[in-house]
Amino acid sequence: MSQSVLESTPGVVLREPTTAAANERSTESKPKMSPWKWAAITGLLVSISGGIRFTRDLQFSGIARQSAMCPFPLNDLSLVLGTWTAVPNSDTQLDPEISKLAGSSDHVIRQYINSTTGEVASVLVLYGLANSVFGHTPDICYRAGGYTPVTPLVDREFTTSDSSPPARFRGFYVSKPGVGSTEYTEVVSSFWHAGSWWPDVSSRWKLFRYSPGMFKIQIQRAASGISTEEFSCEPLLKEVVRDLDMRIARSMPQDGPASKKELTSR
């Protein structure tokens, strides 16, 4: 019986098909995507993602190559730093194997003498890629050399100018048993990374790809006693930081290394 006849027949009420039935018919009427098409789309997305990652890796590799060498010779460090003066012909170098292990592409070790107190301190300034340098904190290195820490690690900060952020550093004392006596060594150190000085940069590892270069300062002196209230080497460390900050500002491009925001926006 046709719909027109049913509609004209008294007592006959036509009802709309249920929603479920309508949806079922609608679903059946839509064409289903071939698994091959899904595979092609997935492959395309993976290829795009891989291409982006490859491009970024090339960018990071290029930045690392540019930052591998120190932007200036470290033996140009000033011979006079405040009240400290370099001891003539005192420059030395690390053993090649130790230098390689420390991640150094350039470094200098120099003795300075305080013209006021007569104290002598050994200054190590080292440059290399951050992912190789950051782990060589002095407390670990001294332990490996047979020294025993005799004080806790003390982190402090100082400023070198009104425009620069505070430089943070770490100081402590170690000892190495001698013949009939115990010798103490005062150690202060700091790491430069991405424009700031830090006592420990291990928490900044995610930024190493964006700012690969790193400086390390380590100063030590023989001490007859212990005082963590005031480290005798702190004034010398401050002068070394000031000297390096000046050289870094002169030698590095004005825009500095590519920032994380710049790289991720490309």
C-alpha atoms as a PDB file:
ATOM      1  CA  MET A   1       0.000   0.000   0.000  1.00  0.00           C
ATOM      2  CA  SER A   2       1.439   3.313  -1.030  1.00  0.00           C
ATOM      3  CA  GLN A   3       2.090   6.138   1.413  1.00  0.00           C
ATOM      4  CA  SER A   4      -0.523   8.348  -0.295  1.00  0.00           C
ATOM      5  CA  VAL A   5      -3.229   5.717   0.217  1.00  0.00           C
ATOM      6  CA  LEU A   6      -2.244   5.228   3.875  1.00  0.00           C
ATOM      7  CA  GLU A   7      -2.343   8.941   4.481  1.00  0.00           C
ATOM      8  CA  SER A   8      -5.910   9.139   3.078  1.00  0.00           C
ATOM      9  CA  THR A   9      -7.141   6.141   5.037  1.00  0.00           C
ATOM     10  CA  PRO A  10      -9.098   7.144   8.183  1.00  0.00           C
ATOM     11  CA  GLY A  11      -7.616   5.899  11.480  1.00  0.00           C
ATOM     12  CA  VAL A  12      -4.208   5.346  10.067  1.00  0.00           C
ATOM     13  CA  VAL A  13      -1.488   7.492  11.698  1.00  0.00           C
ATOM     14  CA  LEU A  14       1.968   7.516  10.166  1.00  0.00           C
ATOM     15  CA  ARG A  15       4.902   7.837  12.587  1.00  0.00           C
ATOM     16  CA  GLU A  16       8.367   9.181  11.945  1.00  0.00           C
ATOM     17  CA  PRO A  17      11.118   6.589  12.176  1.00  0.00           C
ATOM     18  CA  THR A  18      12.841   6.456  15.565  1.00  0.00           C
ATOM     19  CA  THR A  19      16.044   8.460  16.113  1.00  0.00           C
ATOM     20  CA  ALA A  20      18.111   5.299  16.549  1.00  0.00           C
ATOM     21  CA  ALA A  21      16.834   3.851  13.330  1.00  0.00           C
ATOM     22  CA  ALA A  22      17.431   7.123  11.527  1.00  0.00           C
ATOM     23  CA  ASN A  23      20.967   7.367  12.872  1.00  0.00           C
ATOM     24  CA  GLU A  24      21.631   3.785  11.869  1.00  0.00           C
ATOM     25  CA  ARG A  25      20.476   4.451   8.334  1.00  0.00           C
ATOM     26  CA  SER A  26      22.525   7.696   8.289  1.00  0.00           C
ATOM     27  CA  THR A  27      25.630   5.879   9.437  1.00  0.00           C
ATOM     28  CA  GLU A  28      25.155   3.152   6.910  1.00  0.00           C
ATOM     29  CA  SER A  29      24.810   5.739   4.165  1.00  0.00           C
ATOM     30  CA  LYS A  30      28.199   7.432   5.012  1.00  0.00           C
ATOM     31  CA  PRO A  31      31.176   6.039   3.169  1.00  0.00           C
ATOM     32  CA  LYS A  32      33.762   4.360   5.434  1.00  0.00           C
ATOM     33  CA  MET A  33      37.391   5.449   5.146  1.00  0.00           C
ATOM     34  CA  SER A  34      39.702   2.802   3.895  1.00  0.00           C
ATOM     35  CA  PRO A  35      42.337   1.533   6.362  1.00  0.00           C
ATOM     36  CA  TRP A  36      44.863   2.348   3.673  1.00  0.00           C
ATOM     37  CA  LYS A  37      43.853   6.001   3.802  1.00  0.00           C
ATOM     38  CA  TRP A  38      44.202   6.041   7.600  1.00  0.00           C
ATOM     39  CA  ALA A  39      47.645   4.514   7.225  1.00  0.00           C
ATOM     40  CA  ALA A  40      48.616   7.117   4.627  1.00  0.00           C
ATOM     41  CA  ILE A  41      47.455  10.004   6.850  1.00  0.00           C
ATOM     42  CA  THR A  42      49.281   8.575   9.862  1.00  0.00           C
ATOM     43  CA  GLY A  43      52.437   8.153   7.838  1.00  0.00           C
ATOM     44  CA  LEU A  44      52.187  11.729   6.574  1.00  0.00           C
ATOM     45  CA  LEU A  45      51.842  13.101  10.114  1.00  0.00           C
ATOM     46  CA  VAL A  46      54.798  11.049  11.324  1.00  0.00           C
ATOM     47  CA  SER A  47      56.888  12.291   8.388  1.00  0.00           C
ATOM     48  CA  ILE A  48      56.020  15.931   9.126  1.00  0.00           C
ATOM     49  CA  SER A  49      56.859  15.473  12.802  1.00  0.00           C
ATOM     50  CA  GLY A  50      60.148  13.791  11.958  1.00  0.00           C
ATOM     51  CA  GLY A  51      61.025  16.550   9.500  1.00  0.00           C
ATOM     52  CA  ILE A  52      60.420  19.246  12.109  1.00  0.00           C
ATOM     53  CA  ARG A  53      62.536  17.365  14.646  1.00  0.00           C
ATOM     54  CA  PHE A  54      65.328  16.869  12.104  1.00  0.00           C
ATOM     55  CA  THR A  55      65.325  20.590  11.271  1.00  0.00           C
ATOM     56  CA  ARG A  56      65.528  21.543  14.951  1.00  0.00           C
ATOM     57  CA  ASP A  57      68.328  19.054  15.548  1.00  0.00           C
ATOM     58  CA  LEU A  58      70.265  20.673  12.697  1.00  0.00           C
ATOM     59  CA  GLN A  59      69.700  24.090  14.260  1.00  0.00           C
ATOM     60  CA  PHE A  60      70.903  22.893  17.664  1.00  0.00           C
ATOM     61  CA  SER A  61      73.932  21.189  16.103  1.00  0.00           C
ATOM     62  CA  GLY A  62      74.822  24.418  14.336  1.00  0.00           C
ATOM     63  CA  ILE A  63      74.574  26.399  17.571  1.00  0.00           C
ATOM     64  CA  ALA A  64      76.745  23.840  19.376  1.00  0.00           C
ATOM     65  CA  ARG A  65      79.421  24.027  16.651  1.00  0.00           C
ATOM     66  CA  GLN A  66      79.453  27.820  16.858  1.00  0.00           C
ATOM     67  CA  SER A  67      79.756  27.665  20.655  1.00  0.00           C
ATOM     68  CA  ALA A  68      82.352  24.895  20.868  1.00  0.00           C
ATOM     69  CA  MET A  69      85.347  27.245  20.943  1.00  0.00           C
ATOM     70  CA  CYS A  70      85.895  29.942  23.543  1.00  0.00           C
ATOM     71  CA  PRO A  71      85.016  33.395  22.129  1.00  0.00           C
ATOM     72  CA  PHE A  72      88.365  34.797  23.371  1.00  0.00           C
ATOM     73  CA  PRO A  73      91.698  33.362  24.591  1.00  0.00           C
ATOM     74  CA  LEU A  74      91.484  32.652  28.306  1.00  0.00           C
ATOM     75  CA  ASN A  75      95.163  33.408  28.831  1.00  0.00           C
ATOM     76  CA  ASP A  76      94.182  37.030  28.125  1.00  0.00           C
ATOM     77  CA  LEU A  77      92.697  37.141  31.622  1.00  0.00           C
ATOM     78  CA  SER A  78      93.964  40.290  33.336  1.00  0.00           C
ATOM     79  CA  LEU A  79      97.249  39.979  35.194  1.00  0.00           C
ATOM     80  CA  VAL A  80      96.096  42.449  37.821  1.00  0.00           C
ATOM     81  CA  LEU A  81      92.721  41.805  39.484  1.00  0.00           C
ATOM     82  CA  GLY A  82      92.060  44.260  42.294  1.00  0.00           C
ATOM     83  CA  THR A  83      94.714  43.677  44.959  1.00  0.00           C
ATOM     84  CA  TRP A  84      95.734  40.400  43.309  1.00  0.00           C
ATOM     85  CA  THR A  85      98.623  40.238  40.835  1.00  0.00           C
ATOM     86  CA  ALA A  86      99.596  37.302  38.629  1.00  0.00           C
ATOM     87  CA  VAL A  87     102.769  35.483  39.645  1.00  0.00           C
ATOM     88  CA  PRO A  88     105.155  35.724  36.658  1.00  0.00           C
ATOM     89  CA  ASN A  89     105.429  32.567  34.508  1.00  0.00           C
ATOM     90  CA  SER A  90     102.879  30.738  36.658  1.00  0.00           C
ATOM     91  CA  ASP A  91     100.484  29.765  33.853  1.00  0.00           C
ATOM     92  CA  THR A  92      99.977  26.010  33.546  1.00  0.00           C
ATOM     93  CA  GLN A  93      97.603  23.605  31.804  1.00  0.00           C
ATOM     94  CA  LEU A  94      95.613  20.587  32.845  1.00  0.00           C
ATOM     95  CA  ASP A  95      96.782  17.151  31.813  1.00  0.00           C
ATOM     96  CA  PRO A  96      95.339  16.508  28.303  1.00  0.00           C
ATOM     97  CA  GLU A  97      93.253  13.561  29.519  1.00  0.00           C
ATOM     98  CA  ILE A  98      91.857  15.559  32.440  1.00  0.00           C
ATOM     99  CA  SER A  99      91.204  18.519  30.147  1.00  0.00           C
ATOM    100  CA  LYS A 100      89.244  16.305  27.765  1.00  0.00           C
ATOM    101  CA  LEU A 101      87.301  14.739  30.623  1.00  0.00           C
ATOM    102  CA  ALA A 102      86.443  18.193  31.979  1.00  0.00           C
ATOM    103  CA  GLY A 103      84.995  19.203  28.593  1.00  0.00           C
ATOM    104  CA  SER A 104      87.551  21.968  28.060  1.00  0.00           C
ATOM    105  CA  SER A 105      88.094  23.603  24.684  1.00  0.00           C
ATOM    106  CA  ASP A 106      90.214  26.287  26.379  1.00  0.00           C
ATOM    107  CA  HIS A 107      91.434  26.900  29.908  1.00  0.00           C
ATOM    108  CA  VAL A 108      94.121  28.604  31.949  1.00  0.00           C
ATOM    109  CA  ILE A 109      95.526  27.955  35.420  1.00  0.00           C
ATOM    110  CA  ARG A 110      97.336  30.931  36.958  1.00  0.00           C
ATOM    111  CA  GLN A 111      98.733  31.836  40.371  1.00  0.00           C
ATOM    112  CA  TYR A 112      97.832  35.210  41.891  1.00  0.00           C
ATOM    113  CA  ILE A 113      99.314  36.849  44.966  1.00  0.00           C
ATOM    114  CA  ASN A 114      97.523  39.342  47.185  1.00  0.00           C
ATOM    115  CA  SER A 115      99.659  42.464  47.533  1.00  0.00           C
ATOM    116  CA  THR A 116      98.074  43.251  50.910  1.00  0.00           C
ATOM    117  CA  THR A 117      98.047  39.908  52.699  1.00  0.00           C
ATOM    118  CA  GLY A 118     100.664  37.955  50.748  1.00  0.00           C
ATOM    119  CA  GLU A 119      98.208  35.080  50.211  1.00  0.00           C
ATOM    120  CA  VAL A 120      98.623  33.037  47.034  1.00  0.00           C
ATOM    121  CA  ALA A 121      95.652  31.557  45.172  1.00  0.00           C
ATOM    122  CA  SER A 122      95.401  29.328  42.114  1.00  0.00           C
ATOM    123  CA  VAL A 123      92.792  30.390  39.546  1.00  0.00           C
ATOM    124  CA  LEU A 124      91.355  27.955  36.993  1.00  0.00           C
ATOM    125  CA  VAL A 125      89.174  29.418  34.236  1.00  0.00           C
ATOM    126  CA  LEU A 126      87.736  26.872  31.803  1.00  0.00           C
ATOM    127  CA  TYR A 127      85.403  27.026  28.804  1.00  0.00           C
ATOM    128  CA  GLY A 128      83.550  24.235  27.002  1.00  0.00           C
ATOM    129  CA  LEU A 129      80.150  22.925  26.000  1.00  0.00           C
ATOM    130  CA  ALA A 130      77.705  22.960  28.884  1.00  0.00           C
ATOM    131  CA  ASN A 131      76.667  19.320  28.600  1.00  0.00           C
ATOM    132  CA  SER A 132      80.288  18.305  29.258  1.00  0.00           C
ATOM    133  CA  VAL A 133      81.328  20.980  31.781  1.00  0.00           C
ATOM    134  CA  PHE A 134      78.323  21.205  34.097  1.00  0.00           C
ATOM    135  CA  GLY A 135      78.911  17.941  35.980  1.00  0.00           C
ATOM    136  CA  HIS A 136      82.420  18.816  37.111  1.00  0.00           C
ATOM    137  CA  THR A 137      81.586  20.679  40.302  1.00  0.00           C
ATOM    138  CA  PRO A 138      84.651  21.202  42.536  1.00  0.00           C
ATOM    139  CA  ASP A 139      83.256  19.216  45.467  1.00  0.00           C
ATOM    140  CA  ILE A 140      83.032  16.116  43.241  1.00  0.00           C
ATOM    141  CA  CYS A 141      86.469  16.712  41.713  1.00  0.00           C
ATOM    142  CA  TYR A 142      88.168  17.140  45.094  1.00  0.00           C
ATOM    143  CA  ARG A 143      86.571  13.991  46.462  1.00  0.00           C
ATOM    144  CA  ALA A 144      87.879  12.115  43.436  1.00  0.00           C
ATOM    145  CA  GLY A 145      91.329  13.527  44.180  1.00  0.00           C
ATOM    146  CA  GLY A 146      91.401  12.104  47.686  1.00  0.00           C
ATOM    147  CA  TYR A 147      90.339  15.232  49.558  1.00  0.00           C
ATOM    148  CA  THR A 148      87.772  15.176  52.351  1.00  0.00           C
ATOM    149  CA  PRO A 149      85.214  17.992  52.763  1.00  0.00           C
ATOM    150  CA  VAL A 150      85.471  19.541  56.235  1.00  0.00           C
ATOM    151  CA  THR A 151      82.668  22.112  55.877  1.00  0.00           C
ATOM    152  CA  PRO A 152      79.240  22.113  54.236  1.00  0.00           C
ATOM    153  CA  LEU A 153      78.834  23.679  50.801  1.00  0.00           C
ATOM    154  CA  VAL A 154      77.983  27.360  51.266  1.00  0.00           C
ATOM    155  CA  ASP A 155      76.223  29.226  48.423  1.00  0.00           C
ATOM    156  CA  ARG A 156      76.430  33.012  48.344  1.00  0.00           C
ATOM    157  CA  GLU A 157      76.139  35.841  45.856  1.00  0.00           C
ATOM    158  CA  PHE A 158      77.626  39.224  45.016  1.00  0.00           C
ATOM    159  CA  THR A 159      77.098  41.960  42.413  1.00  0.00           C
ATOM    160  CA  THR A 160      79.735  43.446  40.130  1.00  0.00           C
ATOM    161  CA  SER A 161      77.688  46.388  38.800  1.00  0.00           C
ATOM    162  CA  ASP A 162      74.272  47.988  39.137  1.00  0.00           C
ATOM    163  CA  SER A 163      73.173  46.601  35.762  1.00  0.00           C
ATOM    164  CA  SER A 164      74.256  42.970  36.128  1.00  0.00           C
ATOM    165  CA  PRO A 165      72.333  40.263  37.996  1.00  0.00           C
ATOM    166  CA  PRO A 166      73.920  38.848  41.181  1.00  0.00           C
ATOM    167  CA  ALA A 167      76.679  36.323  40.596  1.00  0.00           C
ATOM    168  CA  ARG A 168      76.120  33.211  42.689  1.00  0.00           C
ATOM    169  CA  PHE A 169      79.032  31.116  43.856  1.00  0.00           C
ATOM    170  CA  ARG A 170      79.867  28.207  46.141  1.00  0.00           C
ATOM    171  CA  GLY A 171      82.559  27.978  48.816  1.00  0.00           C
ATOM    172  CA  PHE A 172      83.815  25.179  51.077  1.00  0.00           C
ATOM    173  CA  TYR A 173      86.936  23.717  52.685  1.00  0.00           C
ATOM    174  CA  VAL A 174      88.588  20.374  52.097  1.00  0.00           C
ATOM    175  CA  SER A 175      91.532  18.645  53.717  1.00  0.00           C
ATOM    176  CA  LYS A 176      94.076  16.069  52.692  1.00  0.00           C
ATOM    177  CA  PRO A 177      96.033  14.398  55.483  1.00  0.00           C
ATOM    178  CA  GLY A 178      99.690  15.425  55.433  1.00  0.00           C
ATOM    179  CA  VAL A 179     102.745  14.227  57.319  1.00  0.00           C
ATOM    180  CA  GLY A 180     102.138  15.094  60.965  1.00  0.00           C
ATOM    181  CA  SER A 181      99.524  17.753  60.176  1.00  0.00           C
ATOM    182  CA  THR A 182      96.301  18.422  58.298  1.00  0.00           C
ATOM    183  CA  GLU A 183      96.313  20.922  55.453  1.00  0.00           C
ATOM    184  CA  TYR A 184      93.164  22.846  54.608  1.00  0.00           C
ATOM    185  CA  THR A 185      92.223  24.156  51.184  1.00  0.00           C
ATOM    186  CA  GLU A 186      89.651  26.888  50.619  1.00  0.00           C
ATOM    187  CA  VAL A 187      87.709  26.533  47.362  1.00  0.00           C
ATOM    188  CA  VAL A 188      85.296  28.956  45.685  1.00  0.00           C
ATOM    189  CA  SER A 189      83.707  28.379  42.289  1.00  0.00           C
ATOM    190  CA  SER A 190      80.986  29.438  39.884  1.00  0.00           C
ATOM    191  CA  PHE A 191      79.656  28.545  36.411  1.00  0.00           C
ATOM    192  CA  TRP A 192      78.618  31.033  33.730  1.00  0.00           C
ATOM    193  CA  HIS A 193      75.688  29.942  31.567  1.00  0.00           C
ATOM    194  CA  ALA A 194      73.352  31.999  29.368  1.00  0.00           C
ATOM    195  CA  GLY A 195      74.394  35.291  30.904  1.00  0.00           C
ATOM    196  CA  SER A 196      74.322  34.367  34.604  1.00  0.00           C
ATOM    197  CA  TRP A 197      76.712  32.915  37.196  1.00  0.00           C
ATOM    198  CA  TRP A 198      75.565  29.870  39.166  1.00  0.00           C
ATOM    199  CA  PRO A 199      77.144  27.632  41.827  1.00  0.00           C
ATOM    200  CA  ASP A 200      75.504  24.574  40.228  1.00  0.00           C
ATOM    201  CA  VAL A 201      73.921  24.391  36.763  1.00  0.00           C
ATOM    202  CA  SER A 202      72.643  20.814  36.792  1.00  0.00           C
ATOM    203  CA  SER A 203      69.024  22.001  37.027  1.00  0.00           C
ATOM    204  CA  ARG A 204      69.433  24.039  33.810  1.00  0.00           C
ATOM    205  CA  TRP A 205      70.216  21.068  31.551  1.00  0.00           C
ATOM    206  CA  LYS A 206      67.128  21.633  29.377  1.00  0.00           C
ATOM    207  CA  LEU A 207      68.626  24.967  28.276  1.00  0.00           C
ATOM    208  CA  PHE A 208      71.968  23.523  27.194  1.00  0.00           C
ATOM    209  CA  ARG A 209      70.758  22.976  23.623  1.00  0.00           C
ATOM    210  CA  TYR A 210      69.769  26.622  23.320  1.00  0.00           C
ATOM    211  CA  SER A 211      72.832  28.061  25.110  1.00  0.00           C
ATOM    212  CA  PRO A 212      75.606  25.460  24.702  1.00  0.00           C
ATOM    213  CA  GLY A 213      78.612  27.468  25.956  1.00  0.00           C
ATOM    214  CA  MET A 214      79.745  27.482  29.600  1.00  0.00           C
ATOM    215  CA  PHE A 215      82.558  29.031  31.671  1.00  0.00           C
ATOM    216  CA  LYS A 216      83.824  27.626  34.931  1.00  0.00           C
ATOM    217  CA  ILE A 217      85.864  29.462  37.559  1.00  0.00           C
ATOM    218  CA  GLN A 218      87.557  27.542  40.354  1.00  0.00           C
ATOM    219  CA  ILE A 219      89.845  29.268  42.849  1.00  0.00           C
ATOM    220  CA  GLN A 220      91.733  27.588  45.667  1.00  0.00           C
ATOM    221  CA  ARG A 221      94.273  28.590  48.306  1.00  0.00           C
ATOM    222  CA  ALA A 222      96.082  26.853  51.134  1.00  0.00           C
ATOM    223  CA  ALA A 223      94.591  27.821  54.506  1.00  0.00           C
ATOM    224  CA  SER A 224      95.830  27.358  58.039  1.00  0.00           C
ATOM    225  CA  GLY A 225      92.314  27.678  59.476  1.00  0.00           C
ATOM    226  CA  ILE A 226      88.662  27.524  58.510  1.00  0.00           C
ATOM    227  CA  SER A 227      86.146  30.366  58.292  1.00  0.00           C
ATOM    228  CA  THR A 228      82.996  30.094  56.177  1.00  0.00           C
ATOM    229  CA  GLU A 229      81.777  33.494  57.375  1.00  0.00           C
ATOM    230  CA  GLU A 230      84.076  35.145  54.866  1.00  0.00           C
ATOM    231  CA  PHE A 231      86.013  33.366  52.139  1.00  0.00           C
ATOM    232  CA  SER A 232      89.411  34.962  51.486  1.00  0.00           C
ATOM    233  CA  CYS A 233      89.157  34.090  47.788  1.00  0.00           C
ATOM    234  CA  GLU A 234      85.779  35.781  47.295  1.00  0.00           C
ATOM    235  CA  PRO A 235      87.264  39.214  46.362  1.00  0.00           C
ATOM    236  CA  LEU A 236      89.474  37.521  43.752  1.00  0.00           C
ATOM    237  CA  LEU A 237      86.504  35.559  42.396  1.00  0.00           C
ATOM    238  CA  LYS A 238      84.565  38.806  42.102  1.00  0.00           C
ATOM    239  CA  GLU A 239      87.373  40.382  40.067  1.00  0.00           C
ATOM    240  CA  VAL A 240      87.614  37.352  37.760  1.00  0.00           C
ATOM    241  CA  VAL A 241      83.835  37.446  37.193  1.00  0.00           C
ATOM    242  CA  ARG A 242      83.987  41.159  36.396  1.00  0.00           C
ATOM    243  CA  ASP A 243      86.857  40.620  33.952  1.00  0.00           C
ATOM    244  CA  LEU A 244      85.115  37.743  32.172  1.00  0.00           C
ATOM    245  CA  ASP A 245      81.775  39.562  32.016  1.00  0.00           C
ATOM    246  CA  MET A 246      83.501  42.427  30.210  1.00  0.00           C
ATOM    247  CA  ARG A 247      85.174  40.095  27.710  1.00  0.00           C
ATOM    248  CA  ILE A 248      82.013  38.062  27.137  1.00  0.00           C
ATOM    249  CA  ALA A 249      80.012  41.228  26.435  1.00  0.00           C
ATOM    250  CA  ARG A 250      82.613  42.390  23.896  1.00  0.00           C
ATOM    251  CA  SER A 251      83.089  39.096  22.087  1.00  0.00           C
ATOM    252  CA  MET A 252      79.628  37.603  21.809  1.00  0.00           C
ATOM    253  CA  PRO A 253      77.008  38.762  19.244  1.00  0.00           C
ATOM    254  CA  GLN A 254      74.644  41.419  20.504  1.00  0.00           C
ATOM    255  CA  ASP A 255      71.628  39.150  20.096  1.00  0.00           C
ATOM    256  CA  GLY A 256      73.445  36.260  21.840  1.00  0.00           C
ATOM    257  CA  PRO A 257      72.671  32.581  21.239  1.00  0.00           C
ATOM    258  CA  ALA A 258      69.298  31.712  19.726  1.00  0.00           C
ATOM    259  CA  SER A 259      66.677  31.604  22.433  1.00  0.00           C
ATOM    260  CA  LYS A 260      64.357  28.708  23.088  1.00  0.00           C
ATOM    261  CA  LYS A 261      61.396  30.848  21.988  1.00  0.00           C
ATOM    262  CA  GLU A 262      63.102  31.723  18.699  1.00  0.00           C
ATOM    263  CA  LEU A 263      63.981  28.112  17.902  1.00  0.00           C
ATOM    264  CA  THR A 264      60.596  26.663  18.757  1.00  0.00           C
ATOM    265  CA  SER A 265      58.802  29.318  16.713  1.00  0.00           C
ATOM    266  CA  ARG A 266      60.623  28.354  13.517  1.00  0.00           C
END
